[in-house]
Protein backbone atom coordinates (compact mmCIF):
# COMPACT_ATOMS: atom_id res chain seq x y z
CA MET A 1 15.78 -17.33 -34.34
CA VAL A 2 19.09 -15.64 -33.52
CA GLU A 3 19.08 -13.82 -36.89
CA GLU A 4 15.47 -12.72 -36.49
CA LEU A 5 16.09 -11.44 -32.97
CA ALA A 6 19.16 -9.57 -34.29
CA GLN A 7 16.99 -7.91 -36.91
CA ALA A 8 14.44 -7.01 -34.26
CA ASP A 9 17.26 -5.60 -32.14
CA ASP A 10 18.36 -3.38 -35.03
CA ALA A 11 14.80 -2.17 -35.55
CA VAL A 12 14.38 -1.34 -31.88
CA ALA A 13 17.74 0.42 -31.83
CA ALA A 14 16.57 2.61 -34.70
CA CYS A 15 13.46 3.52 -32.71
CA VAL A 16 15.58 4.49 -29.68
CA ASP A 17 17.25 7.23 -31.70
CA ALA A 18 14.03 8.38 -33.42
CA ALA A 19 12.85 11.94 -32.80
CA THR A 20 9.65 11.34 -30.82
CA TRP A 21 8.86 15.07 -30.79
CA THR A 22 7.96 14.87 -34.48
CA LEU A 23 5.11 12.42 -33.85
CA THR A 24 1.53 13.45 -33.46
CA GLU A 25 -0.25 12.56 -30.24
CA HIS A 26 -2.10 9.77 -32.07
CA ASP A 27 1.16 8.31 -33.35
CA LEU A 28 2.82 8.62 -29.93
CA ILE A 29 0.04 6.57 -28.35
CA ALA A 30 0.14 4.02 -31.18
CA ALA A 31 3.92 3.69 -30.81
CA LEU A 32 3.56 3.22 -27.04
CA ASP A 33 0.98 0.46 -27.54
CA ALA A 34 3.22 -1.23 -30.13
CA ALA A 35 6.28 -1.04 -27.87
CA HIS A 36 4.32 -2.53 -24.97
CA ARG A 37 2.95 -5.33 -27.13
CA LEU A 38 6.44 -6.09 -28.46
CA GLU A 39 7.78 -6.17 -24.89
CA GLN A 40 5.25 -8.86 -23.93
CA ARG A 41 5.96 -10.92 -27.05
CA LEU A 42 9.66 -10.79 -26.30
CA ALA A 43 8.85 -11.91 -22.77
CA ALA A 44 7.12 -14.98 -24.21
CA VAL A 45 10.19 -15.74 -26.31
CA LYS A 46 12.43 -15.23 -23.30
CA LEU A 47 10.37 -17.66 -21.20
CA ALA A 48 10.50 -20.28 -23.96
CA LEU A 49 14.28 -19.98 -24.10
CA ILE A 50 14.59 -20.20 -20.33
CA ARG A 51 12.39 -23.29 -20.26
CA GLU A 52 14.50 -25.04 -22.88
CA LEU A 53 17.78 -24.15 -21.13
CA ASP A 54 16.35 -25.36 -17.83
CA GLY A 55 15.18 -28.61 -19.40
CA ARG A 56 18.60 -29.27 -20.90
CA GLY A 57 20.37 -28.68 -17.62
CA THR A 58 22.59 -26.00 -19.15
CA ALA A 59 23.01 -24.16 -15.87
CA THR A 60 24.36 -27.12 -13.92
CA ALA A 61 26.51 -28.19 -16.86
CA GLN A 62 28.20 -24.77 -16.73
CA GLY A 63 28.79 -25.01 -12.99
CA ALA A 64 25.81 -23.09 -11.57
CA SER A 65 23.74 -24.61 -8.78
CA SER A 66 20.44 -23.89 -10.54
CA THR A 67 18.96 -22.17 -13.56
CA GLY A 68 17.87 -19.30 -11.33
CA VAL A 69 21.43 -18.70 -10.13
CA TRP A 70 22.72 -18.98 -13.70
CA LEU A 71 20.19 -16.40 -14.91
CA ARG A 72 21.12 -14.06 -12.08
CA GLU A 73 24.74 -14.04 -13.19
CA ARG A 74 24.05 -14.12 -16.93
CA LEU A 75 21.39 -11.42 -17.06
CA ARG A 76 22.34 -9.58 -13.83
CA LEU A 77 18.93 -10.13 -12.24
CA THR A 78 18.01 -10.44 -8.60
CA ILE A 79 17.75 -14.07 -7.54
CA ALA A 80 14.05 -13.60 -6.77
CA THR A 81 13.34 -12.30 -10.28
CA ALA A 82 15.38 -15.08 -11.87
CA ARG A 83 13.56 -17.78 -9.93
CA ARG A 84 10.16 -16.33 -10.80
CA LEU A 85 11.10 -16.47 -14.50
CA VAL A 86 12.15 -20.12 -14.23
CA ASP A 87 8.95 -21.02 -12.35
CA LEU A 88 6.70 -19.15 -14.78
CA ALA A 89 8.44 -20.67 -17.81
CA ALA A 90 7.78 -24.14 -16.39
CA VAL A 91 4.15 -23.37 -15.55
CA LEU A 92 3.36 -21.92 -18.98
CA ASP A 93 5.09 -24.81 -20.74
CA THR A 94 3.45 -27.65 -18.88
CA GLY A 95 -0.15 -26.64 -18.39
CA ASN A 96 -1.08 -23.20 -19.62
CA PRO A 97 -0.79 -22.99 -23.40
CA GLY A 98 -3.62 -20.46 -23.49
CA VAL A 99 -1.78 -18.10 -21.17
CA ARG A 100 1.47 -18.55 -23.10
CA GLN A 101 -0.33 -17.74 -26.35
CA ALA A 102 -2.00 -14.65 -24.88
CA LEU A 103 1.43 -13.41 -23.77
CA ALA A 104 2.95 -14.19 -27.18
CA ASP A 105 0.13 -12.28 -28.87
CA GLY A 106 0.85 -9.27 -26.68
CA HIS A 107 -2.65 -9.37 -25.14
CA ILE A 108 -1.42 -9.66 -21.56
CA SER A 109 1.64 -8.50 -19.68
CA LEU A 110 4.22 -10.70 -17.97
CA ASP A 111 2.85 -9.77 -14.53
CA GLN A 112 -0.69 -10.57 -15.67
CA ALA A 113 0.56 -13.89 -17.03
CA ARG A 114 1.93 -14.76 -13.59
CA VAL A 115 -1.42 -13.96 -11.96
CA ILE A 116 -3.41 -15.93 -14.53
CA ALA A 117 -1.08 -18.93 -14.33
CA ASP A 118 -1.29 -19.01 -10.52
CA THR A 119 -5.08 -18.75 -10.60
CA VAL A 120 -5.51 -21.35 -13.33
CA ASN A 121 -3.33 -23.83 -11.45
CA THR A 122 -5.55 -23.41 -8.39
CA VAL A 123 -8.69 -23.85 -10.51
CA GLN A 124 -7.31 -26.96 -12.19
CA THR A 125 -6.51 -28.53 -8.82
CA THR A 126 -9.95 -27.65 -7.47
CA ALA A 127 -12.27 -28.04 -10.44
CA GLY A 128 -10.39 -29.87 -13.19
CA PRO A 129 -9.01 -29.06 -16.68
CA GLU A 130 -12.31 -27.96 -18.25
CA ALA A 131 -12.82 -25.29 -15.60
CA ALA A 132 -9.16 -24.28 -15.97
CA ASP A 133 -9.66 -23.64 -19.70
CA LYS A 134 -12.68 -21.47 -18.93
CA ALA A 135 -10.64 -19.59 -16.36
CA VAL A 136 -7.88 -18.86 -18.88
CA SER A 137 -10.41 -17.44 -21.33
CA LEU A 138 -12.18 -15.30 -18.74
CA LEU A 139 -9.03 -14.00 -17.06
CA THR A 140 -7.44 -13.17 -20.41
CA ASP A 141 -10.50 -11.09 -21.26
CA TRP A 142 -10.35 -9.37 -17.88
CA ALA A 143 -6.65 -8.63 -18.41
CA GLY A 144 -7.67 -6.12 -21.05
CA GLN A 145 -9.38 -4.09 -18.31
CA PHE A 146 -7.54 -4.75 -15.05
CA ASP A 147 -3.97 -4.46 -13.79
CA PRO A 148 -2.27 -7.47 -12.15
CA THR A 149 -3.32 -6.50 -8.62
CA HIS A 150 -7.00 -6.20 -9.49
CA LEU A 151 -6.77 -9.30 -11.68
CA ARG A 152 -5.46 -11.35 -8.74
CA THR A 153 -8.31 -10.08 -6.57
CA LEU A 154 -10.83 -11.08 -9.24
CA GLY A 155 -9.09 -14.43 -9.56
CA THR A 156 -9.97 -15.29 -5.97
CA ARG A 157 -13.64 -15.37 -7.05
CA ILE A 158 -13.17 -16.97 -10.46
CA LEU A 159 -15.04 -20.16 -9.54
CA GLU A 160 -18.19 -18.15 -8.92
CA HIS A 161 -18.15 -17.37 -12.65
CA ILE A 162 -17.02 -20.66 -14.17
CA ALA A 163 -18.09 -23.29 -11.59
CA PRO A 164 -20.51 -21.78 -9.08
CA ASP A 165 -21.42 -25.22 -7.70
CA LEU A 166 -17.80 -25.64 -6.53
CA ALA A 167 -17.19 -22.07 -5.38
CA ASP A 168 -18.29 -22.47 -1.75
CA ALA A 169 -16.30 -25.64 -1.19
CA ALA A 170 -13.24 -24.14 -2.87
CA ALA A 171 -13.52 -20.92 -0.86
CA HIS A 172 -13.72 -22.94 2.36
CA ALA A 173 -10.71 -25.03 1.37
CA ALA A 174 -8.75 -21.92 0.42
CA LEU A 175 -9.66 -20.28 3.73
CA GLU A 176 -8.45 -23.30 5.68
CA ALA A 177 -5.24 -23.40 3.62
CA ASP A 178 -4.67 -19.70 4.31
CA ALA A 179 -5.22 -20.27 8.04
CA ARG A 180 -2.75 -23.17 8.11
CA ARG A 181 -0.17 -21.11 6.23
CA ALA A 182 -0.68 -18.11 8.52
CA THR A 183 -0.23 -20.27 11.61
CA ARG A 184 2.89 -21.88 10.18
CA ASP A 185 4.50 -18.63 9.02
CA ARG A 186 3.75 -16.43 12.05
CA HIS A 187 6.86 -14.96 13.66
CA LEU A 188 8.33 -11.82 15.15
CA THR A 189 12.06 -11.09 14.99
CA LEU A 190 13.78 -8.54 17.25
CA SER A 191 17.18 -7.39 15.99
CA THR A 192 19.25 -5.03 18.14
CA LEU A 193 21.13 -2.47 16.05
CA THR A 194 24.58 -1.24 16.97
CA ASP A 195 23.25 2.09 18.28
CA GLY A 196 20.79 0.45 20.66
CA ARG A 197 17.69 0.75 18.50
CA LEU A 198 15.54 -2.28 17.77
CA ARG A 199 14.42 -3.49 14.34
CA LEU A 200 11.10 -5.36 14.25
CA THR A 201 10.32 -7.72 11.39
CA GLY A 202 7.74 -10.42 11.21
CA THR A 203 4.48 -11.80 9.89
CA LEU A 204 1.28 -11.80 11.95
CA ASP A 205 -1.44 -14.37 11.49
CA THR A 206 -4.87 -13.10 10.51
CA GLU A 207 -6.32 -12.93 14.02
CA THR A 208 -3.28 -11.20 15.48
CA ALA A 209 -3.17 -8.82 12.53
CA GLY A 210 -6.75 -7.85 13.29
CA LEU A 211 -5.96 -7.28 16.96
CA PHE A 212 -2.87 -5.26 16.08
CA ARG A 213 -4.67 -3.04 13.57
CA ALA A 214 -7.58 -2.52 15.95
CA ALA A 215 -5.15 -1.34 18.62
CA ILE A 216 -2.68 0.67 16.56
CA ASP A 217 -4.83 2.31 13.87
CA PRO A 218 -6.77 4.66 16.20
CA LEU A 219 -3.53 5.63 17.93
CA SER A 220 -1.76 6.31 14.63
CA THR A 221 -3.99 9.16 13.50
CA PRO A 222 -2.44 12.65 13.40
CA SER A 223 -2.83 14.35 16.76
CA GLY A 224 -3.55 17.77 15.28
CA THR A 225 -2.87 20.12 12.41
CA ASP A 226 0.71 20.65 13.61
CA ASP A 227 1.54 16.94 13.80
CA SER A 228 4.52 16.66 11.44
CA ARG A 229 5.25 12.97 12.11
CA SER A 230 5.30 10.59 9.16
CA PRO A 231 2.83 7.66 9.14
CA GLY A 232 5.67 5.34 10.11
CA GLN A 233 6.63 7.56 13.04
CA ARG A 234 3.00 7.72 14.20
CA ARG A 235 2.76 3.91 14.13
CA HIS A 236 6.02 3.71 16.10
CA ASP A 237 4.67 6.08 18.75
CA ALA A 238 1.37 4.19 18.84
CA LEU A 239 3.23 0.96 19.59
CA ALA A 240 5.02 2.77 22.43
CA ASP A 241 1.63 3.88 23.80
CA ILE A 242 0.34 0.30 23.68
CA CYS A 243 3.40 -0.95 25.57
CA GLN A 244 2.97 1.79 28.16
CA LEU A 245 -0.66 0.80 28.66
CA ALA A 246 0.24 -2.89 28.99
CA LEU A 247 2.87 -2.07 31.63
CA ARG A 248 0.44 0.17 33.47
CA THR A 249 -2.21 -2.55 33.83
CA GLY A 250 -0.05 -4.56 36.22
CA GLU A 251 -1.40 -7.75 34.62
CA LEU A 252 1.76 -8.82 32.76
CA PRO A 253 3.60 -11.92 34.02
CA ASP A 254 6.50 -11.37 36.39
CA SER A 255 9.95 -11.05 34.91
CA GLY A 256 12.59 -12.70 37.09
CA GLY A 257 10.40 -12.35 40.14
CA ASP A 258 9.70 -8.65 39.61
CA PRO A 259 6.68 -7.00 37.97
CA ALA A 260 7.20 -6.10 34.32
CA GLN A 261 8.80 -2.67 34.33
CA ILE A 262 11.54 -0.48 32.91
CA VAL A 263 14.47 0.34 35.19
CA VAL A 264 16.53 3.41 34.28
CA THR A 265 19.84 3.84 36.11
CA THR A 266 21.42 7.28 36.45
CA THR A 267 23.19 9.45 39.04
CA TYR A 268 21.28 11.83 41.27
CA ASP A 269 23.59 14.80 40.62
CA GLY A 270 23.55 14.23 36.89
CA LEU A 271 19.77 13.91 36.83
CA THR A 272 19.12 17.08 38.78
CA GLN A 273 21.74 19.02 36.81
CA GLN A 274 20.35 17.76 33.48
CA LEU A 275 23.75 16.37 32.52
CA SER A 276 23.59 12.65 33.08
CA SER A 277 22.74 9.98 30.57
CA GLY A 278 21.05 6.81 31.76
CA ALA A 279 21.17 3.09 31.16
CA LEU A 280 18.32 0.61 30.85
CA ASP A 281 18.56 -2.70 32.63
CA ILE A 282 19.02 -4.38 29.22
CA GLY A 283 22.23 -2.43 28.68
CA LEU A 284 21.06 0.31 26.32
CA HIS A 285 21.96 3.95 26.99
CA LEU A 286 19.64 6.96 26.99
CA THR A 287 20.19 10.68 26.48
CA PRO A 288 19.78 13.09 29.43
CA ASP A 289 16.56 14.49 27.91
CA THR A 290 15.08 11.01 27.62
CA VAL A 291 16.01 10.19 31.21
CA ARG A 292 14.29 13.36 32.46
CA ARG A 293 11.16 12.58 30.44
CA LEU A 294 11.02 9.01 31.74
CA ALA A 295 11.41 10.31 35.30
CA CYS A 296 7.92 11.84 34.98
CA ASP A 297 6.18 8.55 34.39
CA ALA A 298 4.73 6.51 37.21
CA THR A 299 5.33 3.28 35.26
CA ILE A 300 9.10 3.92 35.23
CA LEU A 301 11.05 2.92 38.33
CA PRO A 302 14.17 5.09 38.73
CA ALA A 303 17.29 3.57 40.21
CA VAL A 304 19.11 6.74 41.33
CA LEU A 305 22.75 6.39 42.44
CA ASP A 306 24.94 8.75 44.45
CA SER A 307 28.44 9.73 43.32
CA ALA A 308 29.85 6.55 44.87
CA GLY A 309 27.40 4.37 42.95
CA GLN A 310 25.26 3.54 46.00
CA VAL A 311 21.52 3.20 45.42
CA LEU A 312 19.68 6.24 46.77
CA ASP A 313 16.20 5.50 45.48
CA VAL A 314 14.43 2.74 43.55
CA GLY A 315 10.87 3.77 42.74
CA ARG A 316 10.52 6.44 45.43
CA GLN A 317 6.74 6.62 45.93
CA ARG A 318 6.62 10.24 46.98
CA ARG A 319 7.93 11.20 43.54
CA LEU A 320 5.40 9.21 41.55
CA ILE A 321 1.92 10.43 40.69
CA THR A 322 -0.03 7.34 41.69
CA GLY A 323 -3.03 6.22 43.72
CA PRO A 324 -5.45 8.93 44.92
CA LEU A 325 -3.30 11.68 43.35
CA ARG A 326 -3.52 10.14 39.90
CA ARG A 327 -7.26 9.56 40.33
CA ALA A 328 -7.68 13.24 41.16
CA LEU A 329 -5.60 14.15 38.12
CA VAL A 330 -7.81 11.95 35.91
CA LEU A 331 -10.95 13.58 37.30
CA ARG A 332 -9.53 17.01 36.50
CA ASP A 333 -7.97 16.47 33.03
CA ARG A 334 -10.22 13.63 31.78
CA GLY A 335 -7.50 12.58 29.33
CA CYS A 336 -4.50 14.05 27.55
CA ALA A 337 -4.61 17.78 28.23
CA PHE A 338 -2.68 18.81 25.09
CA PRO A 339 -4.90 20.92 22.81
CA GLY A 340 -6.95 18.81 20.43
CA CYS A 341 -5.90 15.39 21.76
CA ASP A 342 -8.64 12.81 22.37
CA ARG A 343 -6.62 10.14 24.20
CA PRO A 344 -8.29 8.85 27.40
CA PRO A 345 -6.52 8.72 30.78
CA ARG A 346 -5.35 5.11 30.47
CA TRP A 347 -3.10 6.15 27.56
CA CYS A 348 -1.55 9.04 29.46
CA HIS A 349 1.59 9.68 31.49
CA ALA A 350 1.54 11.94 34.53
CA HIS A 351 3.90 14.82 33.74
CA HIS A 352 5.40 17.15 36.35
CA ILE A 353 4.83 20.71 35.09
CA HIS A 354 7.84 21.88 37.10
CA HIS A 355 10.16 18.93 36.71
CA TRP A 356 10.74 16.80 39.78
CA THR A 357 14.46 16.81 39.00
CA ASP A 358 14.38 20.61 39.19
CA GLY A 359 12.77 20.56 42.63
CA GLY A 360 9.16 20.38 41.49
CA THR A 361 6.66 18.97 43.97
CA THR A 362 4.41 15.97 43.50
CA ASN A 363 0.91 17.34 43.84
CA LEU A 364 -2.13 18.10 41.74
CA ASP A 365 -1.07 21.70 41.08
CA ASN A 366 2.16 20.48 39.48
CA ALA A 367 0.82 17.66 37.34
CA VAL A 368 -0.85 17.21 33.96
CA LEU A 369 -1.92 14.17 31.93
CA LEU A 370 -0.16 13.77 28.57
CA ARG A 371 -0.20 10.92 26.05
CA GLY A 372 3.19 9.53 25.06
CA HIS A 373 3.62 11.61 21.89
CA HIS A 374 2.63 14.88 23.57
CA HIS A 375 4.75 14.04 26.61
CA ARG A 376 7.78 13.79 24.31
CA HIS A 377 6.60 16.89 22.46
CA VAL A 378 6.51 19.02 25.61
CA HIS A 379 9.95 17.81 26.69
CA GLN A 380 11.58 18.32 23.29
CA THR A 381 10.00 21.52 21.99
CA ASP A 382 9.26 25.08 23.15
CA TRP A 383 5.68 24.40 24.24
CA VAL A 384 5.08 25.52 27.83
CA VAL A 385 2.42 24.04 30.09
CA ARG A 386 0.94 25.78 33.12
CA LEU A 387 -2.27 25.84 35.15
CA GLY A 388 -4.72 28.61 34.44
CA ASP A 389 -6.53 30.68 37.02
CA ASP A 390 -9.28 28.03 37.20
CA GLY A 391 -6.79 25.27 37.95
CA HIS A 392 -6.95 23.60 34.54
CA PRO A 393 -3.90 23.11 32.29
CA GLU A 394 -3.21 25.41 29.39
CA PHE A 395 -0.40 25.37 26.84
CA ILE A 396 1.64 28.28 25.47
CA PRO A 397 2.67 27.57 21.86
CA PRO A 398 6.15 28.48 20.62
CA ALA A 399 6.55 31.87 18.99
CA TRP A 400 7.11 30.40 15.52
CA LEU A 401 3.67 28.80 15.69
CA ASP A 402 1.83 31.72 17.28
CA PRO A 403 3.72 35.04 17.53
CA GLU A 404 1.21 36.21 20.16
CA GLN A 405 1.65 32.96 22.13
CA LEU A 406 -1.96 32.86 23.24
CA PRO A 407 -2.69 30.05 25.73
CA ARG A 408 -4.48 27.02 24.27
CA ARG A 409 -6.61 24.40 25.99
CA ASN A 410 -8.00 20.99 25.18
CA HIS A 411 -11.74 21.38 24.67
CA TYR A 412 -12.31 17.75 23.71
CA HIS A 413 -12.57 16.42 27.27
CA ARG A 414 -15.36 17.59 29.53
CA GLN A 415 -13.98 19.91 32.23
CA THR A 416 -15.01 19.70 35.87
C-alpha cells in the first residue's frame, strides 16, 4: 500500500505542475470530476488507516491520550476534525459497509458519508438492519443530487420512504429526544470583556428560540434606506429595545428592594458642560455622549452629584417625561417620529429636543418620541429635530444626505 500511495503521490504531483490553460473546457471539467473522485477514494483509505491505528492502540502506545489527539499532532488538524475522523472511521467499519464502499468508489463525499452514516445509525436503531440497508441505498442515490445539508434534511424523513409504518412513531420519538436534549443543553453565558462590553453566548431551547425570534426579528429590519447597520448590529439594537420595553413595563421583579432600573452616576457640572463621563451601578463607565443620551429617557434614573460628591438628584420627576405628559406625547407622535419608522410608542424613548442638560424644559413642545436606534442616531449624527408650525416633529437631514436639507416627517403614523 505504501508503494502504491507513493506512486499515486507522484502522479498527483505531476498534475499539480500541469498547464491547465491548455485543456479544453470539456477536459477541465473531466479533470475536476476525476480529482474530486480521487479525493473521496483517498478519504476512504485514510479512514481505514485511522480505524486500524485506533484499534491497535497506536496513539496511546506513543504517549498520546487518544487517537484524536494523536491525529491532531500528526496531521496538524483541529481536535474537532480529528475526533470526527476517528468517529466516522469506527462507524463505517462496524456497521456501514455500503457507505464505506460508496465513499471508496468516489460516489459520495466525506461530508455526505458522515450524514449517511448518522442517518443509517438512527434508522437501524429505530427500524432494524433491513431498513438500514434500504436507507444506505436510497441516501447514496440521493447523494448524487444533493449536498450534505440537503441530504441531512432529507434524512430526517427517510423512514417515510423505506418504512412508512414506522415513520410516525419514529418522528414522535425523535421529537421527544430533541426536546429532552434542548432542555438539557439550554444555557446563556454572560462574559464581561475588559473594556466593559458584554459577550453573550448560549443555546436556547425550541420554545425560547421561537419567543426570541418572534420578538427580535421584527425589530431587526432596516429602519430605512439610509440604515447602514449590519444585520448583527440591528439584532444588537433590537435586543436593547426589548430590554428597554421590559424595564418600562414595571413588571420585572425587584432587585435588592428597588424596581429594576439602570442607575447612571455623574456630576452635575460635567453633565451640563458635556464633559463628564458616567458610571453604571455595576461598575462600567460610559462616555459623555452616552450619559447625555441616557439622561433623556424616563426609564433611566440619574444619580447626579455635586462637586463634593453629594447626591443632588436621584430620578428628579420634573425632568422626566412621564405620566400625563408622556400620554400627550404618545397622542401627538403615535410612535417613533423619525421619518419612515414604524415603531409604536411602547418601543420609544422620550427625547428632549433641546437637551435638559443644556437648560431645555420638560414639556410637550420640547419632546419627541424616538425608538432606541433613532434616539442614538439623533444624538450621534448631524440630524436635527424640531417642531413644525403645526406642532408636529420634523427632521432636518445632514447636508451630505440632502444638500438642500429639506425637513422630513414620519408619514407612517396617523397625525392628530
